[in-house]
Every structure is written in C-alpha cells, then in structure tokens.
Amino acid sequence: RRLNLPHDWAIEGDFSDANPSGAGGGAL
C-alpha cells in the first residue's frame, strides 16, 4: 500500500480486549 507519513496502522484495526495488547495497550 502507498501512503504518506504520519501513519499509525494499529488504529486501523478493531478494538478488542482479546487483542494481544489488551486493555492496557489500547486494545488494538
């Protein structure tokens, strides 16, 4: 994918407590 910075790919995902980051990592 072509893009410009700044970019934060994690916020494009779904929020979930089940994500490896958990609630303490923003659930991303």
mmCIF file of all heavy atoms, coordinates in Angstrom:
data_MODEL
# 
_entry.id   MODEL 
# 
loop_
_atom_site.group_PDB 
_atom_site.id 
_atom_site.type_symbol 
_atom_site.label_atom_id 
_atom_site.label_alt_id 
_atom_site.label_comp_id 
_atom_site.label_asym_id 
_atom_site.label_entity_id 
_atom_site.label_seq_id 
_atom_site.pdbx_PDB_ins_code 
_atom_site.Cartn_x 
_atom_site.Cartn_y 
_atom_site.Cartn_z 
_atom_site.occupancy 
_atom_site.B_iso_or_equiv 
_atom_site.pdbx_formal_charge 
_atom_site.auth_seq_id 
_atom_site.auth_comp_id 
_atom_site.auth_asym_id 
_atom_site.auth_atom_id 
_atom_site.pdbx_PDB_model_num 
ATOM 1   N N   . ARG A 1 1  ? 0.835   -1.195  0.000  1.00 0.00 ? 1  ARG A N   1 
ATOM 2   C CA  . ARG A 1 1  ? 0.000   0.000   0.000  1.00 0.00 ? 1  ARG A CA  1 
ATOM 3   C C   . ARG A 1 1  ? 0.874   1.251   0.000  1.00 0.00 ? 1  ARG A C   1 
ATOM 4   O O   . ARG A 1 1  ? 1.855   1.342   0.728  1.00 0.00 ? 1  ARG A O   1 
ATOM 5   C CB  . ARG A 1 1  ? -0.906  -0.005  1.232  1.00 0.00 ? 1  ARG A CB  1 
ATOM 6   C CG  . ARG A 1 1  ? -1.872  1.168   1.243  1.00 0.00 ? 1  ARG A CG  1 
ATOM 7   C CD  . ARG A 1 1  ? -2.916  1.010   2.317  1.00 0.00 ? 1  ARG A CD  1 
ATOM 8   N NE  . ARG A 1 1  ? -2.334  1.240   3.618  1.00 0.00 ? 1  ARG A NE  1 
ATOM 9   C CZ  . ARG A 1 1  ? -3.046  1.446   4.729  1.00 0.00 ? 1  ARG A CZ  1 
ATOM 10  N NH1 . ARG A 1 1  ? -4.353  1.409   4.681  1.00 0.00 ? 1  ARG A NH1 1 
ATOM 11  N NH2 . ARG A 1 1  ? -2.456  1.656   5.859  1.00 0.00 ? 1  ARG A NH2 1 
ATOM 12  N N   . ARG A 1 2  ? 0.510   2.237   -0.814 1.00 0.00 ? 2  ARG A N   1 
ATOM 13  C CA  . ARG A 1 2  ? 1.227   3.515   -0.882 1.00 0.00 ? 2  ARG A CA  1 
ATOM 14  C C   . ARG A 1 2  ? 0.540   4.492   0.081  1.00 0.00 ? 2  ARG A C   1 
ATOM 15  O O   . ARG A 1 2  ? -0.685  4.607   0.107  1.00 0.00 ? 2  ARG A O   1 
ATOM 16  C CB  . ARG A 1 2  ? 1.181   4.047   -2.310 1.00 0.00 ? 2  ARG A CB  1 
ATOM 17  C CG  . ARG A 1 2  ? 2.096   5.222   -2.555 1.00 0.00 ? 2  ARG A CG  1 
ATOM 18  C CD  . ARG A 1 2  ? 2.270   5.500   -4.040 1.00 0.00 ? 2  ARG A CD  1 
ATOM 19  N NE  . ARG A 1 2  ? 2.837   4.383   -4.770 1.00 0.00 ? 2  ARG A NE  1 
ATOM 20  C CZ  . ARG A 1 2  ? 4.140   4.113   -4.881 1.00 0.00 ? 2  ARG A CZ  1 
ATOM 21  N NH1 . ARG A 1 2  ? 5.010   4.880   -4.271 1.00 0.00 ? 2  ARG A NH1 1 
ATOM 22  N NH2 . ARG A 1 2  ? 4.565   3.082   -5.574 1.00 0.00 ? 2  ARG A NH2 1 
ATOM 23  N N   . LEU A 1 3  ? 1.360   5.223   0.868  1.00 0.00 ? 3  LEU A N   1 
ATOM 24  C CA  . LEU A 1 3  ? 0.804   6.171   1.833  1.00 0.00 ? 3  LEU A CA  1 
ATOM 25  C C   . LEU A 1 3  ? 1.819   7.258   2.147  1.00 0.00 ? 3  LEU A C   1 
ATOM 26  O O   . LEU A 1 3  ? 2.977   7.174   1.756  1.00 0.00 ? 3  LEU A O   1 
ATOM 27  C CB  . LEU A 1 3  ? 0.366   5.462   3.115  1.00 0.00 ? 3  LEU A CB  1 
ATOM 28  C CG  . LEU A 1 3  ? 1.358   4.544   3.835  1.00 0.00 ? 3  LEU A CG  1 
ATOM 29  C CD1 . LEU A 1 3  ? 2.356   5.304   4.671  1.00 0.00 ? 3  LEU A CD1 1 
ATOM 30  C CD2 . LEU A 1 3  ? 0.598   3.567   4.699  1.00 0.00 ? 3  LEU A CD2 1 
ATOM 31  N N   . ASN A 1 4  ? 1.349   8.259   2.870  1.00 0.00 ? 4  ASN A N   1 
ATOM 32  C CA  . ASN A 1 4  ? 2.208   9.337   3.368  1.00 0.00 ? 4  ASN A CA  1 
ATOM 33  C C   . ASN A 1 4  ? 2.277   9.239   4.882  1.00 0.00 ? 4  ASN A C   1 
ATOM 34  O O   . ASN A 1 4  ? 1.340   8.755   5.534  1.00 0.00 ? 4  ASN A O   1 
ATOM 35  C CB  . ASN A 1 4  ? 1.661   10.710  2.964  1.00 0.00 ? 4  ASN A CB  1 
ATOM 36  C CG  . ASN A 1 4  ? 1.689   10.914  1.466  1.00 0.00 ? 4  ASN A CG  1 
ATOM 37  O OD1 . ASN A 1 4  ? 2.580   10.438  0.772  1.00 0.00 ? 4  ASN A OD1 1 
ATOM 38  N ND2 . ASN A 1 4  ? 0.706   11.629  0.957  1.00 0.00 ? 4  ASN A ND2 1 
ATOM 39  N N   . LEU A 1 5  ? 3.360   9.697   5.448  1.00 0.00 ? 5  LEU A N   1 
ATOM 40  C CA  . LEU A 1 5  ? 3.506   9.753   6.893  1.00 0.00 ? 5  LEU A CA  1 
ATOM 41  C C   . LEU A 1 5  ? 2.966   11.092  7.380  1.00 0.00 ? 5  LEU A C   1 
ATOM 42  O O   . LEU A 1 5  ? 3.031   12.055  6.637  1.00 0.00 ? 5  LEU A O   1 
ATOM 43  C CB  . LEU A 1 5  ? 4.989   9.623   7.263  1.00 0.00 ? 5  LEU A CB  1 
ATOM 44  C CG  . LEU A 1 5  ? 5.687   8.370   6.739  1.00 0.00 ? 5  LEU A CG  1 
ATOM 45  C CD1 . LEU A 1 5  ? 7.146   8.383   7.167  1.00 0.00 ? 5  LEU A CD1 1 
ATOM 46  C CD2 . LEU A 1 5  ? 4.996   7.107   7.187  1.00 0.00 ? 5  LEU A CD2 1 
ATOM 47  N N   . PRO A 1 6  ? 2.422   11.198  8.557  1.00 0.00 ? 6  PRO A N   1 
ATOM 48  C CA  . PRO A 1 6  ? 2.395   10.175  9.594  1.00 0.00 ? 6  PRO A CA  1 
ATOM 49  C C   . PRO A 1 6  ? 1.374   9.086   9.305  1.00 0.00 ? 6  PRO A C   1 
ATOM 50  O O   . PRO A 1 6  ? 0.377   9.315   8.615  1.00 0.00 ? 6  PRO A O   1 
ATOM 51  C CB  . PRO A 1 6  ? 2.015   10.956  10.838 1.00 0.00 ? 6  PRO A CB  1 
ATOM 52  C CG  . PRO A 1 6  ? 1.224   12.117  10.338 1.00 0.00 ? 6  PRO A CG  1 
ATOM 53  C CD  . PRO A 1 6  ? 1.799   12.448  8.983  1.00 0.00 ? 6  PRO A CD  1 
ATOM 54  N N   . HIS A 1 7  ? 1.645   7.914   9.849  1.00 0.00 ? 7  HIS A N   1 
ATOM 55  C CA  . HIS A 1 7  ? 0.762   6.775   9.670  1.00 0.00 ? 7  HIS A CA  1 
ATOM 56  C C   . HIS A 1 7  ? 0.831   5.911   10.918 1.00 0.00 ? 7  HIS A C   1 
ATOM 57  O O   . HIS A 1 7  ? 1.898   5.694   11.462 1.00 0.00 ? 7  HIS A O   1 
ATOM 58  C CB  . HIS A 1 7  ? 1.188   5.960   8.444  1.00 0.00 ? 7  HIS A CB  1 
ATOM 59  C CG  . HIS A 1 7  ? 0.361   4.746   8.238  1.00 0.00 ? 7  HIS A CG  1 
ATOM 60  N ND1 . HIS A 1 7  ? 0.856   3.470   8.402  1.00 0.00 ? 7  HIS A ND1 1 
ATOM 61  C CD2 . HIS A 1 7  ? -0.932  4.605   7.890  1.00 0.00 ? 7  HIS A CD2 1 
ATOM 62  C CE1 . HIS A 1 7  ? -0.101  2.602   8.144  1.00 0.00 ? 7  HIS A CE1 1 
ATOM 63  N NE2 . HIS A 1 7  ? -1.197  3.259   7.843  1.00 0.00 ? 7  HIS A NE2 1 
ATOM 64  N N   . ASP A 1 8  ? -0.297  5.434   11.373 1.00 0.00 ? 8  ASP A N   1 
ATOM 65  C CA  . ASP A 1 8  ? -0.374  4.531   12.520 1.00 0.00 ? 8  ASP A CA  1 
ATOM 66  C C   . ASP A 1 8  ? -1.290  3.385   12.129 1.00 0.00 ? 8  ASP A C   1 
ATOM 67  O O   . ASP A 1 8  ? -2.504  3.511   12.179 1.00 0.00 ? 8  ASP A O   1 
ATOM 68  C CB  . ASP A 1 8  ? -0.915  5.278   13.733 1.00 0.00 ? 8  ASP A CB  1 
ATOM 69  C CG  . ASP A 1 8  ? -0.924  4.431   14.994 1.00 0.00 ? 8  ASP A CG  1 
ATOM 70  O OD1 . ASP A 1 8  ? -0.731  3.195   14.896 1.00 0.00 ? 8  ASP A OD1 1 
ATOM 71  O OD2 . ASP A 1 8  ? -1.122  4.991   16.075 1.00 0.00 ? 8  ASP A OD2 1 
ATOM 72  N N   . TRP A 1 9  ? -0.692  2.286   11.703 1.00 0.00 ? 9  TRP A N   1 
ATOM 73  C CA  . TRP A 1 9  ? -1.515  1.188   11.196 1.00 0.00 ? 9  TRP A CA  1 
ATOM 74  C C   . TRP A 1 9  ? -2.329  0.511   12.284 1.00 0.00 ? 9  TRP A C   1 
ATOM 75  O O   . TRP A 1 9  ? -3.386  -0.056  12.001 1.00 0.00 ? 9  TRP A O   1 
ATOM 76  C CB  . TRP A 1 9  ? -0.680  0.167   10.432 1.00 0.00 ? 9  TRP A CB  1 
ATOM 77  C CG  . TRP A 1 9  ? 0.386   -0.526  11.238 1.00 0.00 ? 9  TRP A CG  1 
ATOM 78  C CD1 . TRP A 1 9  ? 1.692   -0.182  11.293 1.00 0.00 ? 9  TRP A CD1 1 
ATOM 79  C CD2 . TRP A 1 9  ? 0.226   -1.659  12.070 1.00 0.00 ? 9  TRP A CD2 1 
ATOM 80  N NE1 . TRP A 1 9  ? 2.370   -1.037  12.122 1.00 0.00 ? 9  TRP A NE1 1 
ATOM 81  C CE2 . TRP A 1 9  ? 1.488   -1.967  12.610 1.00 0.00 ? 9  TRP A CE2 1 
ATOM 82  C CE3 . TRP A 1 9  ? -0.849  -2.457  12.422 1.00 0.00 ? 9  TRP A CE3 1 
ATOM 83  C CZ2 . TRP A 1 9  ? 1.701   -3.031  13.477 1.00 0.00 ? 9  TRP A CZ2 1 
ATOM 84  C CZ3 . TRP A 1 9  ? -0.643  -3.517  13.289 1.00 0.00 ? 9  TRP A CZ3 1 
ATOM 85  C CH2 . TRP A 1 9  ? 0.613   -3.794  13.799 1.00 0.00 ? 9  TRP A CH2 1 
ATOM 86  N N   . ALA A 1 10 ? -1.897  0.562   13.536 1.00 0.00 ? 10 ALA A N   1 
ATOM 87  C CA  . ALA A 1 10 ? -2.618  -0.128  14.608 1.00 0.00 ? 10 ALA A CA  1 
ATOM 88  C C   . ALA A 1 10 ? -4.033  0.412   14.784 1.00 0.00 ? 10 ALA A C   1 
ATOM 89  O O   . ALA A 1 10 ? -4.959  -0.339  15.077 1.00 0.00 ? 10 ALA A O   1 
ATOM 90  C CB  . ALA A 1 10 ? -1.841  -0.044  15.923 1.00 0.00 ? 10 ALA A CB  1 
ATOM 91  N N   . ILE A 1 11 ? -4.215  1.721   14.581 1.00 0.00 ? 11 ILE A N   1 
ATOM 92  C CA  . ILE A 1 11 ? -5.550  2.288   14.808 1.00 0.00 ? 11 ILE A CA  1 
ATOM 93  C C   . ILE A 1 11 ? -6.524  1.933   13.688 1.00 0.00 ? 11 ILE A C   1 
ATOM 94  O O   . ILE A 1 11 ? -7.710  2.202   13.801 1.00 0.00 ? 11 ILE A O   1 
ATOM 95  C CB  . ILE A 1 11 ? -5.502  3.813   15.020 1.00 0.00 ? 11 ILE A CB  1 
ATOM 96  C CG1 . ILE A 1 11 ? -4.984  4.521   13.778 1.00 0.00 ? 11 ILE A CG1 1 
ATOM 97  C CG2 . ILE A 1 11 ? -4.674  4.156   16.234 1.00 0.00 ? 11 ILE A CG2 1 
ATOM 98  C CD1 . ILE A 1 11 ? -5.110  6.029   13.839 1.00 0.00 ? 11 ILE A CD1 1 
ATOM 99  N N   . GLU A 1 12 ? -6.019  1.313   12.617 1.00 0.00 ? 12 GLU A N   1 
ATOM 100 C CA  . GLU A 1 12 ? -6.906  0.856   11.548 1.00 0.00 ? 12 GLU A CA  1 
ATOM 101 C C   . GLU A 1 12 ? -7.592  -0.457  11.916 1.00 0.00 ? 12 GLU A C   1 
ATOM 102 O O   . GLU A 1 12 ? -8.537  -0.869  11.266 1.00 0.00 ? 12 GLU A O   1 
ATOM 103 C CB  . GLU A 1 12 ? -6.119  0.682   10.249 1.00 0.00 ? 12 GLU A CB  1 
ATOM 104 C CG  . GLU A 1 12 ? -5.546  1.985   9.731  1.00 0.00 ? 12 GLU A CG  1 
ATOM 105 C CD  . GLU A 1 12 ? -4.618  1.795   8.543  1.00 0.00 ? 12 GLU A CD  1 
ATOM 106 O OE1 . GLU A 1 12 ? -4.268  0.643   8.206  1.00 0.00 ? 12 GLU A OE1 1 
ATOM 107 O OE2 . GLU A 1 12 ? -4.247  2.809   7.939  1.00 0.00 ? 12 GLU A OE2 1 
ATOM 108 N N   . GLY A 1 13 ? -7.101  -1.132  12.970 1.00 0.00 ? 13 GLY A N   1 
ATOM 109 C CA  . GLY A 1 13 ? -7.670  -2.415  13.386 1.00 0.00 ? 13 GLY A CA  1 
ATOM 110 C C   . GLY A 1 13 ? -8.850  -2.230  14.319 1.00 0.00 ? 13 GLY A C   1 
ATOM 111 O O   . GLY A 1 13 ? -9.199  -1.120  14.729 1.00 0.00 ? 13 GLY A O   1 
ATOM 112 N N   . ASP A 1 14 ? -9.463  -3.342  14.664 1.00 0.00 ? 14 ASP A N   1 
ATOM 113 C CA  . ASP A 1 14 ? -10.613 -3.332  15.565 1.00 0.00 ? 14 ASP A CA  1 
ATOM 114 C C   . ASP A 1 14 ? -10.156 -3.334  17.021 1.00 0.00 ? 14 ASP A C   1 
ATOM 115 O O   . ASP A 1 14 ? -9.203  -4.030  17.396 1.00 0.00 ? 14 ASP A O   1 
ATOM 116 C CB  . ASP A 1 14 ? -11.485 -4.565  15.316 1.00 0.00 ? 14 ASP A CB  1 
ATOM 117 C CG  . ASP A 1 14 ? -12.134 -4.542  13.943 1.00 0.00 ? 14 ASP A CG  1 
ATOM 118 O OD1 . ASP A 1 14 ? -12.460 -3.436  13.454 1.00 0.00 ? 14 ASP A OD1 1 
ATOM 119 O OD2 . ASP A 1 14 ? -12.310 -5.624  13.348 1.00 0.00 ? 14 ASP A OD2 1 
ATOM 120 N N   . PHE A 1 15 ? -10.851 -2.567  17.851 1.00 0.00 ? 15 PHE A N   1 
ATOM 121 C CA  . PHE A 1 15 ? -10.589 -2.557  19.276 1.00 0.00 ? 15 PHE A CA  1 
ATOM 122 C C   . PHE A 1 15 ? -11.172 -3.825  19.886 1.00 0.00 ? 15 PHE A C   1 
ATOM 123 O O   . PHE A 1 15 ? -12.324 -4.181  19.606 1.00 0.00 ? 15 PHE A O   1 
ATOM 124 C CB  . PHE A 1 15 ? -11.244 -1.340  19.942 1.00 0.00 ? 15 PHE A CB  1 
ATOM 125 C CG  . PHE A 1 15 ? -10.581 -0.041  19.593 1.00 0.00 ? 15 PHE A CG  1 
ATOM 126 C CD1 . PHE A 1 15 ? -10.983 0.690   18.492 1.00 0.00 ? 15 PHE A CD1 1 
ATOM 127 C CD2 . PHE A 1 15 ? -9.540  0.436   20.373 1.00 0.00 ? 15 PHE A CD2 1 
ATOM 128 C CE1 . PHE A 1 15 ? -10.359 1.887   18.173 1.00 0.00 ? 15 PHE A CE1 1 
ATOM 129 C CE2 . PHE A 1 15 ? -8.922  1.634   20.061 1.00 0.00 ? 15 PHE A CE2 1 
ATOM 130 C CZ  . PHE A 1 15 ? -9.332  2.360   18.960 1.00 0.00 ? 15 PHE A CZ  1 
ATOM 131 N N   . SER A 1 16 ? -10.362 -4.504  20.730 1.00 0.00 ? 16 SER A N   1 
ATOM 132 C CA  . SER A 1 16 ? -10.859 -5.692  21.413 1.00 0.00 ? 16 SER A CA  1 
ATOM 133 C C   . SER A 1 16 ? -9.958  -5.996  22.593 1.00 0.00 ? 16 SER A C   1 
ATOM 134 O O   . SER A 1 16 ? -8.724  -5.964  22.469 1.00 0.00 ? 16 SER A O   1 
ATOM 135 C CB  . SER A 1 16 ? -10.866 -6.898  20.469 1.00 0.00 ? 16 SER A CB  1 
ATOM 136 O OG  . SER A 1 16 ? -11.145 -8.087  21.189 1.00 0.00 ? 16 SER A OG  1 
ATOM 137 N N   . ASP A 1 17 ? -10.570 -6.313  23.737 1.00 0.00 ? 17 ASP A N   1 
ATOM 138 C CA  . ASP A 1 17 ? -9.783  -6.726  24.900 1.00 0.00 ? 17 ASP A CA  1 
ATOM 139 C C   . ASP A 1 17 ? -9.031  -8.014  24.618 1.00 0.00 ? 17 ASP A C   1 
ATOM 140 O O   . ASP A 1 17 ? -8.053  -8.334  25.304 1.00 0.00 ? 17 ASP A O   1 
ATOM 141 C CB  . ASP A 1 17 ? -10.688 -6.920  26.115 1.00 0.00 ? 17 ASP A CB  1 
ATOM 142 C CG  . ASP A 1 17 ? -11.196 -5.606  26.681 1.00 0.00 ? 17 ASP A CG  1 
ATOM 143 O OD1 . ASP A 1 17 ? -10.571 -4.563  26.408 1.00 0.00 ? 17 ASP A OD1 1 
ATOM 144 O OD2 . ASP A 1 17 ? -12.212 -5.628  27.405 1.00 0.00 ? 17 ASP A OD2 1 
ATOM 145 N N   . ALA A 1 18 ? -9.467  -8.772  23.617 1.00 0.00 ? 18 ALA A N   1 
ATOM 146 C CA  . ALA A 1 18 ? -8.820  -10.040 23.265 1.00 0.00 ? 18 ALA A CA  1 
ATOM 147 C C   . ALA A 1 18 ? -7.547  -9.838  22.432 1.00 0.00 ? 18 ALA A C   1 
ATOM 148 O O   . ALA A 1 18 ? -6.789  -10.787 22.242 1.00 0.00 ? 18 ALA A O   1 
ATOM 149 C CB  . ALA A 1 18 ? -9.804  -10.929 22.500 1.00 0.00 ? 18 ALA A CB  1 
ATOM 150 N N   . ASN A 1 19 ? -7.306  -8.624  21.926 1.00 0.00 ? 19 ASN A N   1 
ATOM 151 C CA  . ASN A 1 19 ? -6.084  -8.370  21.173 1.00 0.00 ? 19 ASN A CA  1 
ATOM 152 C C   . ASN A 1 19 ? -4.874  -8.547  22.076 1.00 0.00 ? 19 ASN A C   1 
ATOM 153 O O   . ASN A 1 19 ? -4.974  -8.337  23.289 1.00 0.00 ? 19 ASN A O   1 
ATOM 154 C CB  . ASN A 1 19 ? -6.102  -6.955  20.574 1.00 0.00 ? 19 ASN A CB  1 
ATOM 155 C CG  . ASN A 1 19 ? -6.926  -6.874  19.322 1.00 0.00 ? 19 ASN A CG  1 
ATOM 156 O OD1 . ASN A 1 19 ? -7.065  -7.847  18.597 1.00 0.00 ? 19 ASN A OD1 1 
ATOM 157 N ND2 . ASN A 1 19 ? -7.471  -5.704  19.055 1.00 0.00 ? 19 ASN A ND2 1 
ATOM 158 N N   . PRO A 1 20 ? -3.722  -8.917  21.524 1.00 0.00 ? 20 PRO A N   1 
ATOM 159 C CA  . PRO A 1 20 ? -2.530  -9.139  22.351 1.00 0.00 ? 20 PRO A CA  1 
ATOM 160 C C   . PRO A 1 20 ? -2.142  -7.957  23.228 1.00 0.00 ? 20 PRO A C   1 
ATOM 161 O O   . PRO A 1 20 ? -1.574  -8.143  24.296 1.00 0.00 ? 20 PRO A O   1 
ATOM 162 C CB  . PRO A 1 20 ? -1.428  -9.420  21.328 1.00 0.00 ? 20 PRO A CB  1 
ATOM 163 C CG  . PRO A 1 20 ? -2.136  -9.897  20.110 1.00 0.00 ? 20 PRO A CG  1 
ATOM 164 C CD  . PRO A 1 20 ? -3.469  -9.194  20.111 1.00 0.00 ? 20 PRO A CD  1 
ATOM 165 N N   . SER A 1 21 ? -2.468  -6.737  22.823 1.00 0.00 ? 21 SER A N   1 
ATOM 166 C CA  . SER A 1 21 ? -2.105  -5.563  23.621 1.00 0.00 ? 21 SER A CA  1 
ATOM 167 C C   . SER A 1 21 ? -2.965  -5.441  24.870 1.00 0.00 ? 21 SER A C   1 
ATOM 168 O O   . SER A 1 21 ? -2.570  -4.783  25.829 1.00 0.00 ? 21 SER A O   1 
ATOM 169 C CB  . SER A 1 21 ? -2.245  -4.297  22.779 1.00 0.00 ? 21 SER A CB  1 
ATOM 170 O OG  . SER A 1 21 ? -3.598  -4.096  22.411 1.00 0.00 ? 21 SER A OG  1 
ATOM 171 N N   . GLY A 1 22 ? -4.151  -6.057  24.862 1.00 0.00 ? 22 GLY A N   1 
ATOM 172 C CA  . GLY A 1 22 ? -5.063  -5.961  25.992 1.00 0.00 ? 22 GLY A CA  1 
ATOM 173 C C   . GLY A 1 22 ? -5.549  -4.544  26.205 1.00 0.00 ? 22 GLY A C   1 
ATOM 174 O O   . GLY A 1 22 ? -5.203  -3.622  25.468 1.00 0.00 ? 22 GLY A O   1 
ATOM 175 N N   . ALA A 1 23 ? -6.341  -4.352  27.232 1.00 0.00 ? 23 ALA A N   1 
ATOM 176 C CA  . ALA A 1 23 ? -6.893  -3.035  27.521 1.00 0.00 ? 23 ALA A CA  1 
ATOM 177 C C   . ALA A 1 23 ? -5.798  -2.039  27.874 1.00 0.00 ? 23 ALA A C   1 
ATOM 178 O O   . ALA A 1 23 ? -5.887  -0.858  27.544 1.00 0.00 ? 23 ALA A O   1 
ATOM 179 C CB  . ALA A 1 23 ? -7.906  -3.128  28.658 1.00 0.00 ? 23 ALA A CB  1 
ATOM 180 N N   . GLY A 1 24 ? -4.707  -2.490  28.501 1.00 0.00 ? 24 GLY A N   1 
ATOM 181 C CA  . GLY A 1 24 ? -3.608  -1.611  28.876 1.00 0.00 ? 24 GLY A CA  1 
ATOM 182 C C   . GLY A 1 24 ? -2.848  -1.071  27.682 1.00 0.00 ? 24 GLY A C   1 
ATOM 183 O O   . GLY A 1 24 ? -2.184  -0.045  27.766 1.00 0.00 ? 24 GLY A O   1 
ATOM 184 N N   . GLY A 1 25 ? -2.934  -1.761  26.543 1.00 0.00 ? 25 GLY A N   1 
ATOM 185 C CA  . GLY A 1 25 ? -2.255  -1.330  25.325 1.00 0.00 ? 25 GLY A CA  1 
ATOM 186 C C   . GLY A 1 25 ? -3.203  -0.710  24.327 1.00 0.00 ? 25 GLY A C   1 
ATOM 187 O O   . GLY A 1 25 ? -2.902  -0.661  23.135 1.00 0.00 ? 25 GLY A O   1 
ATOM 188 N N   . GLY A 1 26 ? -4.347  -0.262  24.792 1.00 0.00 ? 26 GLY A N   1 
ATOM 189 C CA  . GLY A 1 26 ? -5.312  0.378   23.916 1.00 0.00 ? 26 GLY A CA  1 
ATOM 190 C C   . GLY A 1 26 ? -6.242  -0.591  23.223 1.00 0.00 ? 26 GLY A C   1 
ATOM 191 O O   . GLY A 1 26 ? -7.059  -0.196  22.403 1.00 0.00 ? 26 GLY A O   1 
ATOM 192 N N   . ALA A 1 27 ? -6.117  -1.891  23.528 1.00 0.00 ? 27 ALA A N   1 
ATOM 193 C CA  . ALA A 1 27 ? -6.966  -2.938  22.955 1.00 0.00 ? 27 ALA A CA  1 
ATOM 194 C C   . ALA A 1 27 ? -6.900  -2.984  21.436 1.00 0.00 ? 27 ALA A C   1 
ATOM 195 O O   . ALA A 1 27 ? -7.841  -3.379  20.769 1.00 0.00 ? 27 ALA A O   1 
ATOM 196 C CB  . ALA A 1 27 ? -8.414  -2.780  23.435 1.00 0.00 ? 27 ALA A CB  1 
ATOM 197 N N   . LEU A 1 28 ? -5.757  -2.561  20.893 1.00 0.00 ? 28 LEU A N   1 
ATOM 198 C CA  . LEU A 1 28 ? -5.564  -2.577  19.442 1.00 0.00 ? 28 LEU A CA  1 
ATOM 199 C C   . LEU A 1 28 ? -4.729  -3.794  19.043 1.00 0.00 ? 28 LEU A C   1 
ATOM 200 O O   . LEU A 1 28 ? -3.976  -4.333  19.848 1.00 0.00 ? 28 LEU A O   1 
ATOM 201 C CB  . LEU A 1 28 ? -4.866  -1.298  18.986 1.00 0.00 ? 28 LEU A CB  1 
ATOM 202 C CG  . LEU A 1 28 ? -5.718  -0.041  19.103 1.00 0.00 ? 28 LEU A CG  1 
ATOM 203 C CD1 . LEU A 1 28 ? -4.864  1.208   18.985 1.00 0.00 ? 28 LEU A CD1 1 
ATOM 204 C CD2 . LEU A 1 28 ? -6.798  -0.054  18.029 1.00 0.00 ? 28 LEU A CD2 1 
# 
